[in-house]
C-alpha cells in the first residue's frame, strides 16, 4: 500500500460528543489522499465506540493505556504517521472542506526551505456563532514575529514531516503554550508560508488550557525561560509580562498581576508597542474575549 501524502492526527480525551464532528470534517475533505490517526488518551467515556462506529479505511485508532496529556498523544501520532506532511486537529475543532486541498497545492510551488503552510480560522462559539476571525499575516522567516505572539492557529498548519526530526516533538513539560513552543522551534530552521483564506474553525468554550490560568501562567513562564531570545529582548519580554499581568488581574490574582505589569514597564519604559497593546485591551468592551483570542494556544 502506498504511503499517504498527509497524516492527520487528532489527540482526544473524554470528548466523544465533539470528536465525531472533528472526524467528519477530516473525512469530508476534498483532498482524499490522507490517513487519519486518532490517539485516544485513555478516555473513560464512549470514545472507542464513537471511533469504531465510523467506517473508513483511512482511520487508524490508537488507544493509550494511561492518560498522558495532549503533547504525548500528539507525539505518538507523529511517530506513527506515514505521510509526507503532518496536519493537526484538536478534537473540539473543525476543518473546512478545502483545507488540505489548498495547502497541499501551495506546497507544490515552495522550496524545501519552507516547512509549514498555515491559514486563517474562525473563532466559533459552541452554539455555532462566529465570534471573529484571524487571517494569516507573516510569511518567510517568521521567527522574530513568533517571539512576540502566537498568531498561528493549530487547526490550520500543514507541516513537512522532517520538521519534527529537525526541531523535535511537542514538549510535555509545558503545562500550556506547547503549540507556540513548537512553532518557534520549527521557525528556527524553516520558513513559513500561508494560504490567505479561512480554512478551519476554532471553537471557544472556556475549557481549553489557554483559558485555565492555573495551567496557562506556569506554561507561559516556562516558555519564556526556555526561549532565551524572548528573555534577551526587553521589548518582547515586556509584551509577554503585560499580557500575563492582565490575565492575572482578570483572574483576581491582583498582587502577581500588578507585579508583572510593573516589571513590564520597568524593563521597557519606551516600548510604545506594549502601551498600544495595553490601551487596546483596556478600551475593548470585550476585553476578556479579546485576551483569550490573542493568547489562543493549547
Protein backbone atom coordinates (compact mmCIF):
# COMPACT_ATOMS: atom_id res chain seq x y z
CA UNK A 1 0.00 0.00 0.00
CA UNK A 2 1.40 3.41 -0.96
CA UNK A 3 2.07 5.97 1.72
CA UNK A 4 -0.49 8.78 2.05
CA UNK A 5 0.54 12.33 1.25
CA UNK A 6 -0.90 13.65 4.54
CA UNK A 7 -1.16 12.17 8.02
CA UNK A 8 -3.88 13.82 10.09
CA UNK A 9 -3.54 13.50 13.86
CA UNK A 10 -6.39 14.02 16.32
CA UNK A 11 -5.50 13.55 20.02
CA UNK A 12 -8.61 13.12 22.13
CA UNK A 13 -9.64 12.71 25.75
CA UNK A 14 -13.22 12.39 27.01
CA UNK A 15 -14.78 14.43 24.23
CA UNK A 16 -16.78 11.77 22.46
CA UNK A 17 -19.60 14.29 21.96
CA UNK A 18 -17.28 16.59 19.97
CA UNK A 19 -14.94 14.07 18.38
CA UNK A 20 -17.41 12.92 15.74
CA UNK A 21 -17.62 16.47 14.34
CA UNK A 22 -13.85 16.75 14.11
CA UNK A 23 -13.50 13.38 12.38
CA UNK A 24 -16.31 14.21 9.93
CA UNK A 25 -14.57 17.45 8.95
CA UNK A 26 -11.48 15.43 8.00
CA UNK A 27 -13.35 12.76 6.08
CA UNK A 28 -15.25 15.47 4.19
CA UNK A 29 -12.04 16.97 2.77
CA UNK A 30 -11.94 17.48 -0.99
CA UNK A 31 -8.35 16.18 -0.87
CA UNK A 32 -8.59 12.43 -0.26
CA UNK A 33 -5.01 11.12 -0.03
CA UNK A 34 -4.61 11.04 3.75
CA UNK A 35 -4.65 8.80 6.78
CA UNK A 36 -6.38 9.84 9.98
CA UNK A 37 -4.74 8.82 13.25
CA UNK A 38 -6.97 9.21 16.31
CA UNK A 39 -4.94 8.95 19.51
CA UNK A 40 -7.23 8.25 22.46
CA UNK A 41 -5.51 9.43 25.64
CA UNK A 42 -7.20 6.76 27.82
CA UNK A 43 -10.69 8.27 27.65
CA UNK A 44 -13.24 7.00 30.15
CA UNK A 45 -16.29 7.94 28.07
CA UNK A 46 -17.61 6.25 24.90
CA UNK A 47 -14.81 7.50 22.65
CA UNK A 48 -13.90 3.95 21.44
CA UNK A 49 -17.48 3.33 20.34
CA UNK A 50 -17.62 6.65 18.50
CA UNK A 51 -14.47 5.90 16.51
CA UNK A 52 -15.40 2.29 15.80
CA UNK A 53 -18.82 3.35 14.52
CA UNK A 54 -17.22 5.36 11.69
CA UNK A 55 -16.37 3.05 8.81
CA UNK A 56 -13.46 4.42 6.80
CA UNK A 57 -10.29 2.53 5.99
CA UNK A 58 -8.17 5.65 6.34
CA UNK A 59 -8.80 5.82 10.10
CA UNK A 60 -6.19 4.38 12.47
CA UNK A 61 -7.22 4.24 16.12
CA UNK A 62 -4.58 4.20 18.88
CA UNK A 63 -5.72 3.89 22.49
CA UNK A 64 -3.22 4.73 25.24
CA UNK A 65 -3.24 2.68 28.44
CA UNK A 66 -2.96 5.69 30.72
CA UNK A 67 -3.78 9.38 30.41
CA UNK A 68 -0.54 11.12 29.44
CA UNK A 69 -1.59 14.58 28.18
CA UNK A 70 -2.08 16.19 24.79
CA UNK A 71 1.60 16.67 23.86
CA UNK A 72 2.44 13.00 24.38
CA UNK A 73 -0.68 11.89 22.49
CA UNK A 74 0.31 14.16 19.58
CA UNK A 75 3.88 12.87 19.66
CA UNK A 76 2.73 9.26 19.47
CA UNK A 77 0.59 10.14 16.46
CA UNK A 78 3.52 11.88 14.76
CA UNK A 79 5.78 8.87 15.37
CA UNK A 80 3.17 6.55 13.83
CA UNK A 81 2.48 8.82 10.85
CA UNK A 82 3.33 7.61 7.35
CA UNK A 83 2.57 10.76 5.33
CA UNK A 84 4.95 13.33 3.87
CA UNK A 85 3.01 16.05 5.67
CA UNK A 86 1.51 16.23 9.17
CA UNK A 87 -1.77 18.05 9.87
CA UNK A 88 -3.01 18.54 13.43
CA UNK A 89 -6.61 18.86 14.60
CA UNK A 90 -7.83 19.07 18.19
CA UNK A 91 -10.91 17.02 18.98
CA UNK A 92 -13.06 20.10 19.62
CA UNK A 93 -12.18 21.97 16.40
CA UNK A 94 -13.19 21.57 12.77
CA UNK A 95 -11.78 21.95 9.27
CA UNK A 96 -13.45 23.49 6.24
CA UNK A 97 -13.65 21.09 3.25
CA UNK A 98 -10.92 22.77 1.17
CA UNK A 99 -8.33 22.90 3.95
CA UNK A 100 -5.94 20.17 2.79
CA UNK A 101 -6.51 20.76 -0.90
CA UNK A 102 -5.32 24.37 -0.96
CA UNK A 103 -2.38 23.74 1.33
CA UNK A 104 -1.01 20.69 -0.50
CA UNK A 105 -1.29 22.70 -3.72
CA UNK A 106 0.57 25.58 -2.07
CA UNK A 107 3.45 23.30 -1.10
CA UNK A 108 3.85 22.22 -4.74
CA UNK A 109 5.28 25.66 -5.52
CA UNK A 110 7.51 26.01 -2.46
CA UNK A 111 11.12 25.03 -1.95
CA UNK A 112 12.43 22.70 0.74
CA UNK A 113 13.30 25.69 2.93
CA UNK A 114 9.58 26.05 3.63
CA UNK A 115 8.44 23.69 6.37
CA UNK A 116 4.94 24.94 7.16
CA UNK A 117 1.88 26.32 5.39
CA UNK A 118 -0.83 27.74 7.65
CA UNK A 119 -4.05 29.68 7.14
CA UNK A 120 -6.89 31.67 8.68
CA UNK A 121 -9.59 30.48 11.04
CA UNK A 122 -12.88 31.49 12.62
CA UNK A 123 -13.46 31.79 16.36
CA UNK A 124 -16.76 29.97 16.91
CA UNK A 125 -18.97 29.55 19.98
CA UNK A 126 -20.28 26.11 20.85
CA UNK A 127 -23.72 27.09 19.54
CA UNK A 128 -22.18 27.84 16.14
CA UNK A 129 -21.95 31.64 16.26
CA UNK A 130 -18.90 33.13 14.55
CA UNK A 131 -17.23 35.37 17.14
CA UNK A 132 -14.42 36.65 14.93
CA UNK A 133 -11.65 35.54 12.66
CA UNK A 134 -7.90 35.61 12.34
CA UNK A 135 -6.20 35.80 8.97
CA UNK A 136 -2.51 34.98 8.44
CA UNK A 137 -0.12 37.92 8.27
CA UNK A 138 3.51 36.77 8.22
CA UNK A 139 5.43 34.56 5.79
CA UNK A 140 9.04 33.62 5.17
CA UNK A 141 11.31 33.89 8.20
CA UNK A 142 8.69 34.48 10.90
CA UNK A 143 10.79 33.63 13.96
CA UNK A 144 11.06 37.22 15.22
CA UNK A 145 7.29 37.68 14.84
CA UNK A 146 6.56 34.45 16.73
CA UNK A 147 8.71 35.62 19.62
CA UNK A 148 6.11 38.35 20.25
CA UNK A 149 2.89 36.42 19.76
CA UNK A 150 1.41 33.14 18.61
CA UNK A 151 -0.65 34.24 15.61
CA UNK A 152 -0.95 30.72 14.14
CA UNK A 153 -3.98 28.57 14.87
CA UNK A 154 -3.15 24.91 15.49
CA UNK A 155 -6.03 23.62 13.31
CA UNK A 156 -4.51 25.33 10.26
CA UNK A 157 -0.94 24.06 9.93
CA UNK A 158 0.32 21.63 7.31
CA UNK A 159 3.86 20.63 8.32
CA UNK A 160 6.57 18.75 6.47
CA UNK A 161 7.25 15.57 8.38
CA UNK A 162 11.01 16.26 8.50
CA UNK A 163 10.37 19.42 10.54
CA UNK A 164 9.79 17.26 13.62
CA UNK A 165 13.04 15.37 13.02
CA UNK A 166 14.90 18.66 12.93
CA UNK A 167 13.07 20.61 15.67
CA UNK A 168 11.92 17.78 17.91
CA UNK A 169 8.44 16.87 19.13
CA UNK A 170 5.95 18.64 21.41
CA UNK A 171 7.29 19.37 24.90
CA UNK A 172 5.21 17.58 27.58
CA UNK A 173 6.93 19.60 30.33
CA UNK A 174 4.92 22.67 29.35
CA UNK A 175 1.53 22.92 31.07
CA UNK A 176 0.43 25.30 28.29
CA UNK A 177 1.86 27.06 25.22
CA UNK A 178 3.05 23.76 23.73
CA UNK A 179 1.93 24.85 20.26
CA UNK A 180 3.71 28.19 20.50
CA UNK A 181 6.88 26.46 21.64
CA UNK A 182 6.68 24.01 18.72
CA UNK A 183 6.15 26.69 16.08
CA UNK A 184 9.09 28.67 17.47
CA UNK A 185 11.39 25.67 17.28
CA UNK A 186 10.34 24.88 13.71
CA UNK A 187 10.75 28.55 12.72
CA UNK A 188 14.41 28.39 13.74
CA UNK A 189 15.07 26.03 10.84
CA UNK A 190 12.29 26.55 8.27
CA UNK A 191 10.36 29.31 6.55
CA UNK A 192 6.58 29.50 6.80
CA UNK A 193 4.02 30.40 4.14
CA UNK A 194 0.23 30.69 4.21
CA UNK A 195 -2.98 30.47 2.24
CA UNK A 196 -4.82 33.76 2.62
CA UNK A 197 -8.22 32.34 3.48
CA UNK A 198 -10.24 30.78 6.29
CA UNK A 199 -9.67 27.03 6.44
CA UNK A 200 -10.73 26.00 9.96
CA UNK A 201 -12.99 26.69 12.93
CA UNK A 202 -11.54 27.15 16.40
CA UNK A 203 -14.27 26.56 18.98
CA UNK A 204 -14.23 28.75 22.09
CA UNK A 205 -15.82 27.10 25.10
CA UNK A 206 -13.72 28.15 28.07
CA UNK A 207 -12.32 24.68 28.77
CA UNK A 208 -9.12 24.97 26.76
CA UNK A 209 -5.82 25.06 28.61
CA UNK A 210 -5.29 28.59 27.30
CA UNK A 211 -8.23 29.74 29.46
CA UNK A 212 -7.17 27.84 32.59
CA UNK A 213 -4.90 30.31 34.36
CA UNK A 214 -3.53 27.77 36.84
CA UNK A 215 -2.04 25.90 33.90
CA UNK A 216 -1.60 28.75 31.47
CA UNK A 217 0.61 31.08 33.53
CA UNK A 218 3.20 28.42 34.59
CA UNK A 219 3.35 27.18 31.00
CA UNK A 220 3.86 30.69 29.65
CA UNK A 221 6.57 31.36 32.26
CA UNK A 222 8.38 28.19 31.25
CA UNK A 223 8.10 29.16 27.58
CA UNK A 224 9.86 32.46 28.32
CA UNK A 225 12.62 30.73 30.25
CA UNK A 226 13.04 28.12 27.54
CA UNK A 227 13.35 30.56 24.65
CA UNK A 228 16.19 32.83 25.66
CA UNK A 229 15.62 35.13 22.68
CA UNK A 230 12.47 36.32 24.46
CA UNK A 231 14.36 36.94 27.70
CA UNK A 232 17.21 38.69 25.91
CA UNK A 233 14.91 41.25 24.26
CA UNK A 234 13.37 43.66 26.84
CA UNK A 235 10.72 44.90 24.39
CA UNK A 236 9.48 41.42 23.61
CA UNK A 237 9.70 40.29 27.23
CA UNK A 238 7.67 43.31 28.32
CA UNK A 239 4.84 42.31 25.97
CA UNK A 240 4.71 38.82 27.48
CA UNK A 241 4.73 40.19 31.01
CA UNK A 242 1.98 42.71 30.28
CA UNK A 243 -0.29 40.07 28.80
CA UNK A 244 0.25 37.74 31.75
CA UNK A 245 -0.28 40.62 34.15
CA UNK A 246 -3.65 41.46 32.63
CA UNK A 247 -4.72 37.82 32.69
CA UNK A 248 -3.78 37.54 36.35
CA UNK A 249 -5.77 40.68 37.15
CA UNK A 250 -8.78 39.23 35.36
CA UNK A 251 -8.29 36.03 37.38
CA UNK A 252 -8.37 38.08 40.62
CA UNK A 253 -4.68 37.49 41.29
CA UNK A 254 -4.08 41.20 41.81
CA UNK A 255 -0.71 41.04 43.55
CA UNK A 256 1.06 38.96 40.96
CA UNK A 257 -0.73 40.74 38.11
CA UNK A 258 0.46 44.17 39.25
CA UNK A 259 3.95 42.78 39.78
CA UNK A 260 4.13 41.62 36.16
CA UNK A 261 2.73 44.88 34.82
CA UNK A 262 5.15 46.95 36.90
CA UNK A 263 8.13 44.87 35.80
CA UNK A 264 6.99 45.07 32.20
CA UNK A 265 7.04 48.86 32.22
CA UNK A 266 10.28 49.00 34.20
CA UNK A 267 12.29 46.91 31.73
CA UNK A 268 10.97 48.66 28.59
CA UNK A 269 9.51 52.08 29.52
CA UNK A 270 9.81 53.37 25.93
CA UNK A 271 8.22 50.35 24.26
CA UNK A 272 5.29 52.05 22.51
CA UNK A 273 4.08 48.75 21.07
CA UNK A 274 3.48 47.47 24.58
CA UNK A 275 1.48 50.57 25.57
CA UNK A 276 -0.67 50.18 22.45
CA UNK A 277 -1.49 46.62 23.46
CA UNK A 278 -2.39 47.73 26.97
CA UNK A 279 -4.55 50.59 25.69
CA UNK A 280 -6.40 48.37 23.25
CA UNK A 281 -7.11 45.81 25.94
CA UNK A 282 -8.24 48.48 28.40
CA UNK A 283 -10.65 50.13 25.94
CA UNK A 284 -12.04 47.00 24.31
CA UNK A 285 -15.58 46.36 25.56
CA UNK A 286 -14.95 42.65 25.13
CA UNK A 287 -11.60 42.63 26.90
CA UNK A 288 -11.82 39.10 28.24
CA UNK A 289 -12.75 37.64 24.86
CA UNK A 290 -10.00 39.61 23.13
CA UNK A 291 -7.34 38.36 25.52
CA UNK A 292 -8.49 34.81 25.01
CA UNK A 293 -8.12 35.26 21.28
CA UNK A 294 -4.64 36.77 21.24
CA UNK A 295 -3.47 34.04 23.62
CA UNK A 296 -5.21 31.14 21.88
CA UNK A 297 -2.63 28.42 22.42
CA UNK A 298 -3.32 24.94 23.68
